[in-house]
Structures are given as C-alpha cells and as structure tokens.
C-alpha atoms as a PDB file:
ATOM      1  CA  MET A   1      35.092  66.651  64.649  1.00  0.00           C
ATOM      2  CA  SER A   2      33.028  63.568  63.551  1.00  0.00           C
ATOM      3  CA  ALA A   3      33.145  60.357  65.478  1.00  0.00           C
ATOM      4  CA  GLY A   4      34.440  58.488  62.343  1.00  0.00           C
ATOM      5  CA  LEU A   5      37.666  60.885  62.211  1.00  0.00           C
ATOM      6  CA  TRP A   6      38.161  60.662  65.936  1.00  0.00           C
ATOM      7  CA  ASN A   7      38.239  56.964  65.913  1.00  0.00           C
ATOM      8  CA  ALA A   8      40.624  56.881  62.874  1.00  0.00           C
ATOM      9  CA  LEU A   9      43.079  59.546  64.470  1.00  0.00           C
ATOM     10  CA  ARG A  10      43.127  57.270  67.888  1.00  0.00           C
ATOM     11  CA  ARG A  11      44.146  54.416  65.653  1.00  0.00           C
ATOM     12  CA  GLU A  12      46.865  56.288  64.289  1.00  0.00           C
ATOM     13  CA  PRO A  13      50.335  55.542  65.736  1.00  0.00           C
ATOM     14  CA  LEU A  14      51.912  58.870  64.850  1.00  0.00           C
ATOM     15  CA  VAL A  15      49.109  60.500  67.040  1.00  0.00           C
ATOM     16  CA  HIS A  16      50.182  58.254  69.918  1.00  0.00           C
ATOM     17  CA  PHE A  17      53.807  59.167  69.575  1.00  0.00           C
ATOM     18  CA  LEU A  18      53.138  62.930  69.508  1.00  0.00           C
ATOM     19  CA  ALA A  19      50.890  62.627  72.475  1.00  0.00           C
ATOM     20  CA  LEU A  20      53.447  60.868  74.446  1.00  0.00           C
ATOM     21  CA  ALA A  21      56.482  63.207  73.518  1.00  0.00           C
ATOM     22  CA  ALA A  22      54.259  66.264  74.513  1.00  0.00           C
ATOM     23  CA  LEU A  23      53.469  64.536  78.072  1.00  0.00           C
ATOM     24  CA  LEU A  24      57.105  63.876  78.371  1.00  0.00           C
ATOM     25  CA  PHE A  25      58.020  67.473  77.423  1.00  0.00           C
ATOM     26  CA  VAL A  26      55.576  68.793  80.115  1.00  0.00           C
ATOM     27  CA  GLY A  27      56.518  66.324  82.680  1.00  0.00           C
ATOM     28  CA  TYR A  28      60.368  67.084  82.320  1.00  0.00           C
ATOM     29  CA  HIS A  29      59.880  70.784  82.805  1.00  0.00           C
ATOM     30  CA  LEU A  30      57.347  70.499  85.656  1.00  0.00           C
ATOM     31  CA  LEU A  31      59.733  67.826  87.458  1.00  0.00           C
ATOM     32  CA  THR A  32      63.279  68.987  86.631  1.00  0.00           C
ATOM     33  CA  PRO A  33      64.473  72.032  88.155  1.00  0.00           C
ATOM     34  CA  SER A  34      65.803  74.737  85.996  1.00  0.00           C
ATOM     35  CA  ALA A  35      69.716  75.332  85.370  1.00  0.00           C
ATOM     36  CA  ARG A  36      70.848  76.917  88.585  1.00  0.00           C
ATOM     37  CA  GLU A  37      73.641  79.118  89.093  1.00  0.00           C
ATOM     38  CA  SER A  38      76.478  77.548  90.984  1.00  0.00           C
ATOM     39  CA  ILE A  39      77.850  78.932  94.291  1.00  0.00           C
ATOM     40  CA  VAL A  40      81.471  77.794  95.053  1.00  0.00           C
ATOM     41  CA  ILE A  41      82.843  78.453  98.527  1.00  0.00           C
ATOM     42  CA  ALA A  42      86.602  77.881  98.208  1.00  0.00           C
ATOM     43  CA  ARG A  43      88.639  76.119 100.745  1.00  0.00           C
ATOM     44  CA  ALA A  44      90.852  79.188 100.968  1.00  0.00           C
ATOM     45  CA  SER A  45      87.963  81.460 101.798  1.00  0.00           C
ATOM     46  CA  ILE A  46      86.868  78.978 104.385  1.00  0.00           C
ATOM     47  CA  ASP A  47      90.332  78.842 106.007  1.00  0.00           C
ATOM     48  CA  GLU A  48      90.527  82.627 105.938  1.00  0.00           C
ATOM     49  CA  LEU A  49      87.055  83.132 107.549  1.00  0.00           C
ATOM     50  CA  ALA A  50      88.313  80.553 110.298  1.00  0.00           C
ATOM     51  CA  ARG A  51      91.572  82.045 110.827  1.00  0.00           C
ATOM     52  CA  ARG A  52      89.680  85.456 111.493  1.00  0.00           C
ATOM     53  CA  GLN A  53      87.162  83.850 113.935  1.00  0.00           C
ATOM     54  CA  GLU A  54      89.859  81.887 115.747  1.00  0.00           C
ATOM     55  CA  GLU A  55      91.788  85.332 116.468  1.00  0.00           C
ATOM     56  CA  LEU A  56      88.671  86.786 117.865  1.00  0.00           C
ATOM     57  CA  LEU A  57      87.919  83.811 120.038  1.00  0.00           C
ATOM     58  CA  ALA A  58      91.638  83.076 120.934  1.00  0.00           C
ATOM     59  CA  ARG A  59      91.124  79.447 120.302  1.00  0.00           C
ATOM     60  CA  PRO A  60      90.736  76.849 117.476  1.00  0.00           C
ATOM     61  CA  LEU A  61      87.218  76.174 116.228  1.00  0.00           C
ATOM     62  CA  SER A  62      85.303  73.286 116.739  1.00  0.00           C
ATOM     63  CA  ASP A  63      84.194  71.071 113.892  1.00  0.00           C
ATOM     64  CA  GLU A  64      80.541  72.122 114.623  1.00  0.00           C
ATOM     65  CA  GLU A  65      81.545  75.752 114.551  1.00  0.00           C
ATOM     66  CA  ARG A  66      83.454  75.257 111.314  1.00  0.00           C
ATOM     67  CA  ARG A  67      80.598  73.812 109.772  1.00  0.00           C
ATOM     68  CA  ALA A  68      78.365  76.797 110.876  1.00  0.00           C
ATOM     69  CA  LEU A  69      80.795  79.196 109.572  1.00  0.00           C
ATOM     70  CA  ILE A  70      80.392  77.421 106.086  1.00  0.00           C
ATOM     71  CA  GLU A  71      76.833  77.624 106.219  1.00  0.00           C
ATOM     72  CA  SER A  72      76.882  81.315 107.281  1.00  0.00           C
ATOM     73  CA  ALA A  73      79.245  81.880 104.117  1.00  0.00           C
ATOM     74  CA  ILE A  74      76.779  80.307 102.003  1.00  0.00           C
ATOM     75  CA  ASP A  75      73.780  82.188 103.253  1.00  0.00           C
ATOM     76  CA  ASP A  76      75.959  85.387 102.818  1.00  0.00           C
ATOM     77  CA  GLU A  77      76.461  84.436  99.212  1.00  0.00           C
ATOM     78  CA  VAL A  78      73.072  83.828  98.385  1.00  0.00           C
ATOM     79  CA  LEU A  79      71.863  86.779  99.783  1.00  0.00           C
ATOM     80  CA  LEU A  80      74.458  88.991  97.807  1.00  0.00           C
ATOM     81  CA  ARG A  81      73.300  87.172  94.772  1.00  0.00           C
ATOM     82  CA  GLU A  82      69.603  87.771  95.395  1.00  0.00           C
ATOM     83  CA  ALA A  83      70.290  91.471  96.084  1.00  0.00           C
ATOM     84  CA  TYR A  84      72.100  91.741  92.779  1.00  0.00           C
ATOM     85  CA  ARG A  85      69.304  89.991  91.044  1.00  0.00           C
ATOM     86  CA  ARG A  86      66.615  92.165  92.723  1.00  0.00           C
ATOM     87  CA  GLY A  87      68.727  95.047  91.600  1.00  0.00           C
ATOM     88  CA  LEU A  88      69.424  96.393  95.297  1.00  0.00           C
ATOM     89  CA  ASP A  89      72.993  97.239  93.912  1.00  0.00           C
ATOM     90  CA  ARG A  90      71.165 100.287  92.382  1.00  0.00           C
ATOM     91  CA  ASP A  91      70.159 101.414  95.733  1.00  0.00           C
ATOM     92  CA  ALA A  92      71.449 105.225  96.294  1.00  0.00           C
ATOM     93  CA  VAL A  93      73.213 104.366  99.650  1.00  0.00           C
ATOM     94  CA  VAL A  94      74.640 101.090  98.350  1.00  0.00           C
ATOM     95  CA  ARG A  95      75.998 102.840  95.047  1.00  0.00           C
ATOM     96  CA  GLN A  96      77.648 105.617  97.366  1.00  0.00           C
ATOM     97  CA  HIS A  97      79.133 103.018  99.547  1.00  0.00           C
ATOM     98  CA  LEU A  98      80.579 101.066  96.530  1.00  0.00           C
ATOM     99  CA  VAL A  99      81.872 104.417  94.920  1.00  0.00           C
ATOM    100  CA  GLN A 100      83.571 105.433  98.225  1.00  0.00           C
ATOM    101  CA  LYS A 101      84.869 101.822  98.385  1.00  0.00           C
ATOM    102  CA  MET A 102      86.529 101.909  94.927  1.00  0.00           C
ATOM    103  CA  ARG A 103      88.067 105.417  95.706  1.00  0.00           C
ATOM    104  CA  PHE A 104      89.777 103.886  98.775  1.00  0.00           C
ATOM    105  CA  ILE A 105      91.151 101.103  96.768  1.00  0.00           C
ATOM    106  CA  LEU A 106      92.406 103.379  93.855  1.00  0.00           C
ATOM    107  CA  GLY A 107      94.097 105.629  96.546  1.00  0.00           C
ATOM    108  CA  GLU A 108      95.871 102.908  98.376  1.00  0.00           C
ATOM    109  CA  ASP A 109      99.406 101.950  98.374  1.00  0.00           C
ATOM    110  CA  GLU A 110     101.032 105.467  98.765  1.00  0.00           C
ATOM    111  CA  ALA A 111     104.617 105.369 100.169  1.00  0.00           C
ATOM    112  CA  ALA A 112     105.371 107.558 103.162  1.00  0.00           C
ATOM    113  CA  PRO A 113     106.923 111.081 102.328  1.00  0.00           C
ATOM    114  CA  THR A 114     110.486 112.047 103.076  1.00  0.00           C
ATOM    115  CA  GLU A 115     111.498 114.953 105.004  1.00  0.00           C
ATOM    116  CA  ALA A 116     112.602 116.598 101.748  1.00  0.00           C
ATOM    117  CA  GLU A 117     109.190 115.941 100.167  1.00  0.00           C
ATOM    118  CA  LEU A 118     107.437 117.253 103.308  1.00  0.00           C
ATOM    119  CA  ARG A 119     109.482 120.584 103.343  1.00  0.00           C
ATOM    120  CA  ALA A 120     108.803 121.056  99.561  1.00  0.00           C
ATOM    121  CA  TYR A 121     105.230 120.496 100.331  1.00  0.00           C
ATOM    122  CA  LEU A 122     105.218 123.160 103.162  1.00  0.00           C
ATOM    123  CA  ALA A 123     106.978 125.444 100.864  1.00  0.00           C
ATOM    124  CA  GLY A 124     104.228 125.345  98.122  1.00  0.00           C
ATOM    125  CA  ASN A 125     101.298 125.418 100.741  1.00  0.00           C
ATOM    126  CA  GLY A 126     102.694 127.739 103.456  1.00  0.00           C
ATOM    127  CA  GLU A 127      99.555 129.936 103.565  1.00  0.00           C
ATOM    128  CA  ARG A 128      97.554 127.063 104.599  1.00  0.00           C
ATOM    129  CA  TYR A 129      99.413 126.762 107.847  1.00  0.00           C
ATOM    130  CA  ARG A 130      99.925 130.047 108.849  1.00  0.00           C
ATOM    131  CA  SER A 131      97.757 131.310 111.694  1.00  0.00           C
ATOM    132  CA  PRO A 132      95.423 134.058 111.310  1.00  0.00           C
ATOM    133  CA  PRO A 133      96.061 137.365 112.901  1.00  0.00           C
ATOM    134  CA  THR A 134      94.631 137.529 116.638  1.00  0.00           C
ATOM    135  CA  VAL A 135      94.017 140.009 119.436  1.00  0.00           C
ATOM    136  CA  THR A 136      94.314 139.841 123.108  1.00  0.00           C
ATOM    137  CA  LEU A 137      91.699 141.757 124.934  1.00  0.00           C
ATOM    138  CA  ASP A 138      89.894 142.461 128.128  1.00  0.00           C
ATOM    139  CA  GLN A 139      86.099 142.353 128.397  1.00  0.00           C
ATOM    140  CA  VAL A 140      83.420 143.205 130.839  1.00  0.00           C
ATOM    141  CA  PHE A 141      80.192 141.441 129.812  1.00  0.00           C
ATOM    142  CA  TYR A 142      76.539 142.025 131.275  1.00  0.00           C
ATOM    143  CA  ALA A 143      73.948 139.497 130.083  1.00  0.00           C
ATOM    144  CA  ASP A 144      71.225 142.165 131.129  1.00  0.00           C
ATOM    145  CA  PRO A 145      71.656 145.660 129.891  1.00  0.00           C
ATOM    146  CA  ALA A 146      69.459 146.918 132.638  1.00  0.00           C
ATOM    147  CA  GLU A 147      72.210 145.990 134.963  1.00  0.00           C
ATOM    148  CA  VAL A 148      74.912 147.926 133.616  1.00  0.00           C
ATOM    149  CA  PRO A 149      76.003 150.792 135.900  1.00  0.00           C
ATOM    150  CA  ASP A 150      75.693 154.259 134.851  1.00  0.00           C
ATOM    151  CA  ASP A 151      79.104 155.150 135.380  1.00  0.00           C
ATOM    152  CA  LEU A 152      80.660 152.087 134.192  1.00  0.00           C
ATOM    153  CA  MET A 153      82.931 153.574 131.639  1.00  0.00           C
ATOM    154  CA  THR A 154      84.292 156.193 134.059  1.00  0.00           C
ATOM    155  CA  GLN A 155      84.970 153.241 136.465  1.00  0.00           C
ATOM    156  CA  LEU A 156      86.765 151.470 133.623  1.00  0.00           C
ATOM    157  CA  GLU A 157      88.787 154.316 132.462  1.00  0.00           C
ATOM    158  CA  ASN A 158      89.921 154.714 136.206  1.00  0.00           C
ATOM    159  CA  GLY A 159      91.318 151.488 136.475  1.00  0.00           C
ATOM    160  CA  ILE A 160      88.605 149.421 138.513  1.00  0.00           C
ATOM    161  CA  ASP A 161      89.465 145.823 138.770  1.00  0.00           C
ATOM    162  CA  ILE A 162      87.316 144.281 136.257  1.00  0.00           C
ATOM    163  CA  ARG A 163      87.565 140.831 137.833  1.00  0.00           C
ATOM    164  CA  ASN A 164      84.614 141.712 140.359  1.00  0.00           C
ATOM    165  CA  ILE A 165      82.234 143.188 137.909  1.00  0.00           C
ATOM    166  CA  GLY A 166      80.023 141.956 135.141  1.00  0.00           C
ATOM    167  CA  ASP A 167      78.727 138.623 134.254  1.00  0.00           C
ATOM    168  CA  PRO A 168      80.978 135.414 133.304  1.00  0.00           C
ATOM    169  CA  LEU A 169      80.846 134.794 129.368  1.00  0.00           C
ATOM    170  CA  ASP A 170      81.184 131.253 128.872  1.00  0.00           C
ATOM    171  CA  MET A 171      83.539 130.723 131.961  1.00  0.00           C
ATOM    172  CA  LEU A 172      86.177 132.441 129.893  1.00  0.00           C
ATOM    173  CA  GLY A 173      87.179 135.279 132.455  1.00  0.00           C
ATOM    174  CA  ASN A 174      87.870 138.854 131.607  1.00  0.00           C
ATOM    175  CA  ARG A 175      91.013 138.403 129.682  1.00  0.00           C
ATOM    176  CA  LEU A 176      90.633 136.645 126.199  1.00  0.00           C
ATOM    177  CA  PRO A 177      94.299 136.008 124.868  1.00  0.00           C
ATOM    178  CA  HIS A 178      95.102 135.408 121.236  1.00  0.00           C
ATOM    179  CA  TYR A 179      91.513 135.334 119.877  1.00  0.00           C
ATOM    180  CA  SER A 180      91.061 135.175 116.158  1.00  0.00           C
ATOM    181  CA  LEU A 181      88.217 136.818 114.381  1.00  0.00           C
ATOM    182  CA  ARG A 182      86.492 133.597 113.900  1.00  0.00           C
ATOM    183  CA  GLU A 183      86.753 132.717 117.707  1.00  0.00           C
ATOM    184  CA  LEU A 184      85.208 136.280 118.477  1.00  0.00           C
ATOM    185  CA  ILE A 185      82.471 135.761 116.141  1.00  0.00           C
ATOM    186  CA  GLY A 186      81.479 132.713 118.063  1.00  0.00           C
ATOM    187  CA  LEU A 187      81.422 134.645 121.438  1.00  0.00           C
ATOM    188  CA  MET A 188      79.992 137.856 120.302  1.00  0.00           C
ATOM    189  CA  GLY A 189      78.452 137.493 116.973  1.00  0.00           C
ATOM    190  CA  PRO A 190      79.582 138.782 113.662  1.00  0.00           C
ATOM    191  CA  ASP A 191      78.953 142.478 113.975  1.00  0.00           C
ATOM    192  CA  VAL A 192      80.474 142.989 117.235  1.00  0.00           C
ATOM    193  CA  ALA A 193      83.294 140.975 116.614  1.00  0.00           C
ATOM    194  CA  ARG A 194      84.266 142.726 113.472  1.00  0.00           C
ATOM    195  CA  ARG A 195      84.247 146.042 115.303  1.00  0.00           C
ATOM    196  CA  VAL A 196      86.233 144.732 118.203  1.00  0.00           C
ATOM    197  CA  PHE A 197      89.051 143.206 115.826  1.00  0.00           C
ATOM    198  CA  GLU A 198      89.446 146.699 114.240  1.00  0.00           C
ATOM    199  CA  LEU A 199      89.972 148.629 117.609  1.00  0.00           C
ATOM    200  CA  ARG A 200      93.185 150.199 118.537  1.00  0.00           C
ATOM    201  CA  PRO A 201      94.767 149.282 121.784  1.00  0.00           C
ATOM    202  CA  GLY A 202      94.441 151.331 124.967  1.00  0.00           C
ATOM    203  CA  ALA A 203      91.002 152.603 125.376  1.00  0.00           C
ATOM    204  CA  TRP A 204      87.987 151.107 126.583  1.00  0.00           C
ATOM    205  CA  HIS A 205      85.015 150.751 124.210  1.00  0.00           C
ATOM    206  CA  GLY A 206      81.344 150.356 124.796  1.00  0.00           C
ATOM    207  CA  PRO A 207      78.582 149.548 125.429  1.00  0.00           C
ATOM    208  CA  MET A 208      78.293 147.267 122.273  1.00  0.00           C
ATOM    209  CA  GLN A 209      75.164 145.279 122.014  1.00  0.00           C
ATOM    210  CA  SER A 210      75.142 141.682 120.815  1.00  0.00           C
ATOM    211  CA  GLU A 211      72.348 138.915 120.909  1.00  0.00           C
ATOM    212  CA  ARG A 212      74.142 137.473 124.148  1.00  0.00           C
ATOM    213  CA  GLY A 213      74.054 140.850 126.009  1.00  0.00           C
ATOM    214  CA  VAL A 214      76.313 144.186 126.375  1.00  0.00           C
ATOM    215  CA  HIS A 215      80.028 144.063 125.756  1.00  0.00           C
ATOM    216  CA  PHE A 216      82.846 146.571 127.205  1.00  0.00           C
ATOM    217  CA  VAL A 217      86.149 145.958 125.392  1.00  0.00           C
ATOM    218  CA  GLN A 218      89.905 147.031 125.669  1.00  0.00           C
ATOM    219  CA  ILE A 219      92.271 145.852 123.134  1.00  0.00           C
ATOM    220  CA  GLN A 220      95.635 144.823 124.772  1.00  0.00           C
ATOM    221  CA  GLN A 221      97.673 143.803 121.644  1.00  0.00           C
ATOM    222  CA  HIS A 222      97.207 143.039 118.005  1.00  0.00           C
ATOM    223  CA  HIS A 223      98.996 139.840 117.072  1.00  0.00           C
ATOM    224  CA  PRO A 224     100.308 139.398 113.265  1.00  0.00           C
ATOM    225  CA  PRO A 225      99.882 135.999 111.554  1.00  0.00           C
ATOM    226  CA  THR A 226     102.533 133.488 112.383  1.00  0.00           C
ATOM    227  CA  MET A 227     104.125 130.522 110.602  1.00  0.00           C
ATOM    228  CA  PRO A 228     104.565 127.294 113.028  1.00  0.00           C
ATOM    229  CA  SER A 229     107.923 125.783 112.762  1.00  0.00           C
ATOM    230  CA  PHE A 230     108.530 122.475 110.299  1.00  0.00           C
ATOM    231  CA  ASP A 231     108.668 120.271 113.448  1.00  0.00           C
ATOM    232  CA  GLU A 232     105.173 121.791 114.900  1.00  0.00           C
ATOM    233  CA  LEU A 233     103.706 120.928 111.724  1.00  0.00           C
ATOM    234  CA  ALA A 234     105.160 117.651 110.818  1.00  0.00           C
ATOM    235  CA  ASP A 235     102.166 115.581 111.716  1.00  0.00           C
ATOM    236  CA  TYR A 236      99.803 117.719 109.803  1.00  0.00           C
ATOM    237  CA  LEU A 237     102.100 117.831 106.857  1.00  0.00           C
ATOM    238  CA  ARG A 238     102.059 114.055 106.458  1.00  0.00           C
ATOM    239  CA  GLN A 239      98.427 113.667 106.752  1.00  0.00           C
ATOM    240  CA  ASP A 240      97.795 116.493 104.175  1.00  0.00           C
ATOM    241  CA  TRP A 241     100.591 115.272 101.746  1.00  0.00           C
ATOM    242  CA  ALA A 242      98.964 111.675 101.870  1.00  0.00           C
ATOM    243  CA  LEU A 243      95.663 113.036 101.248  1.00  0.00           C
ATOM    244  CA  ASP A 244      96.833 115.184  98.343  1.00  0.00           C
ATOM    245  CA  GLN A 245      98.832 112.226  96.910  1.00  0.00           C
ATOM    246  CA  GLN A 246      95.621 110.023  97.370  1.00  0.00           C
ATOM    247  CA  GLN A 247      93.372 112.261  95.625  1.00  0.00           C
ATOM    248  CA  ARG A 248      95.980 112.724  92.826  1.00  0.00           C
ATOM    249  CA  ALA A 249      96.364 109.139  92.267  1.00  0.00           C
ATOM    250  CA  ILE A 250      92.320 108.609  92.195  1.00  0.00           C
ATOM    251  CA  ALA A 251      91.967 111.154  89.487  1.00  0.00           C
ATOM    252  CA  ASP A 252      94.719 109.619  87.507  1.00  0.00           C
ATOM    253  CA  LYS A 253      93.335 106.057  87.845  1.00  0.00           C
ATOM    254  CA  LEU A 254      89.880 107.427  87.159  1.00  0.00           C
ATOM    255  CA  ALA A 255      91.117 109.022  83.903  1.00  0.00           C
ATOM    256  CA  GLU A 256      92.445 105.415  82.974  1.00  0.00           C
ATOM    257  CA  LEU A 257      89.177 103.889  83.879  1.00  0.00           C
ATOM    258  CA  ARG A 258      87.056 106.163  81.939  1.00  0.00           C
ATOM    259  CA  GLN A 259      88.878 104.952  78.720  1.00  0.00           C
ATOM    260  CA  ASN A 260      87.138 101.571  79.390  1.00  0.00           C
ATOM    261  CA  TYR A 261      83.603 103.187  78.562  1.00  0.00           C
ATOM    262  CA  ARG A 262      81.904 105.332  76.016  1.00  0.00           C
ATOM    263  CA  ILE A 263      80.515 108.141  78.051  1.00  0.00           C
ATOM    264  CA  VAL A 264      77.337 110.116  76.780  1.00  0.00           C
ATOM    265  CA  VAL A 265      76.100 113.035  78.715  1.00  0.00           C
ATOM    266  CA  ASP A 266      72.481 113.826  77.804  1.00  0.00           C
ATOM    267  CA  GLN A 267      72.210 117.651  77.560  1.00  0.00           C
ATOM    268  CA  GLY A 268      68.762 117.623  76.368  1.00  0.00           C
ATOM    269  CA  ALA A 269      65.851 119.130  78.258  1.00  0.00           C
ATOM    270  CA  PRO A 270      64.409 117.345  80.988  1.00  0.00           C
END
C-alpha cells in the first residue's frame, strides 16, 4: 500500500468508525462472560435436605450448617451437570444403574395380595414349591482309602456300631436324614451321589470312591416329593407374587414407553 493511500484512509471517518466497532466487538467478547446455564436451588429442596439432616442429627440445623448444606447442594448440581456435559452418563456402570433405577420406578406401587390371590398363585405354580425327593442314609467315610479295614463290609453287614469307625465328613455324623440329590452332590460329588440316590434300602454298598475319599452307604428310606402347607408357604408366596407382579408391570410400562421411540436394529455385518 502506497503512503498516499494510507494517509488518505487515515483521514477517512468511516475507517475510524469501523476500527472502533471492531475493537468494541473484540473487547465485549473478551470481557463479557458467555451465556451461562442457570442453576436454581428451590426452597422446597433446601427444606427437604435440611429436614433429613436434622433427623440424622436429632436437632435443628444452625444457620452456618444450613448455608453449608446449600453450598453442598450447589456443588452437587454443578458436578452432575459437568458429568452430563462430559458424557459420563454414557459410562457402562452409570447406564446400568440408571436402567435398574428406572425398572424400580416402573415396578413400584404394587398392592399387597389377598389370601385368595395367593392361593390362586400357589395353584398355578405348585411345582415351584414342591420339595424334591430325598433319602435318609447311614454312611461310613474314610478320607484315606488305605485305612479302610479289609473286612469292613463284613463288619457292616454284621451290625457294627458305625459311630465308632471311619472319619467325620463335614461334622455331619453317620446318619444323613432327608438329603436331596443336590445336597448329596455337594458331599460326595455327582457320580457317587447319583449312584447312592438310586440304591434300594437295606443292604450296605461300597466302597464308592469320590474326590474326598471312600464312602460306604446304607439307604434307610426314600422320601417322595412333598408339598408344604399354604401357611408354611405364605411368606414365600407373597414375595414371589410381588416379584411376578412387578415384572409384569415393568414389561407393560416398557411396552408403552417404546411407543415414544422409533427403534432401529442394525442387523448388518459388523
């Protein structure tokens, strides 16, 4: 740019105006804070927070404690909004917590069942509460197979007092009353337990080797499945009925909520 043109522009009022406007624009954005999101802590929220704190302390809050409570509420709200701004709500753990919270909210407010409803529920779900078949048996156990007497089966068949022989198994003694197959599996392992569960009462059987040692078993009695009385089951029925009702309510309300969304499932190749 020539010196003459520069001098001419310096004398032009419009140039001065535009330069001043530019300076004002820059200064405004440097010195004026950008629009900020409002945080409003409602009086009702403060009163509720104070009430809970006073219940914990069993006394009224001082003015200083109330101010500290408000400051803490402001900090919590700031942190919450910053967490959303930074996308932390998309964290897997946070998402799962929110999903579980929503399921809890959707399943709330179920009325208590009547006795008639519980009896109808039991009639429709009886097999769930029927006890499994069980056995009562006597057992002699040796942790070390080398310690089993050579004539043990003869002694057992002749009626030896089994309380004085063998090793203790989980401090249970020699008589195992009303044991289900699942319980026997926990004691003897699946292979031995299934063999024992199919034995007929009367004769001694063994040795049967498990991972824990050697078992000699005499079945005393097989017990068929039984159905507890309504009174015995009442508490369990209330819990299960409420859970089923809650799950049904959640499913119904989720179906309604799905109508608010256009759901697209991508079935293409990954």
